[in-house]
Amino acid sequence: MHRHLLHKGAKFDFERLTMTGTNGKPLNRDIVRHPGAVAIVPVLETPGGNQIVLIKNWRISVEQWVYEIPAGTLEKDEAPADCAARELEEETGYSAATITPLCRFYTSPGLSDELMWVFLATGLKPVGQRLEVDERVTVHPTGMNQAFSMIESGFLVDAKSIAALLLARSRGFLGS
């Protein structure tokens, strides 16, 4: 297999892979090389019951606001759990007493090597949001039933959030 760097980006790179197809001819595929990412299911304990801390995030790639769980890209040599704690604080303004690993998955292996680690965050305490200059994020603590209704109705359309919330619920972390 031959690899050719097409573009070196700020967070990820574009690479062209050339391999031999089943017909014996060269076959090119353009892919995204990604350093990896994390997503966090933050559970906020309130007197009225547990809530999921969702964020409303302006996603320039789809040119719209998207409800999702907090997430972010790994920095060089950063452990996924450390990245999860950092991104949780930056995007939601909460720190977690406990960060529990749930799973990891390839976000879109047909076009990228991005591996995402998912964590459950509990024991949340407010510390203040620390958004980066390119982030437009608002925090939306959401009741459990409402969060899953948002998935069922198609209002919450972010795949990592859907997968993480359903997995956390199926493992009993979010009730039944």
Foldseek 3Di string as FASTA:
>chain_A
DDKDWPADDPFWTKIWDWDQDPVRHIDIAIAIEGQAKEFEFEWDQDPVGIWTKWKFWQDVVVRHTAIATFMDGDDPPDDHQNRHQVRCCQAAQKGAPDKAWQDKDQPCVVHYRHIYTYIYGHPIDGHDHNYDPPIDMDIDTGHLVVVVVCVVVVVHPDVVRVVRSVSCVVVPNRHD
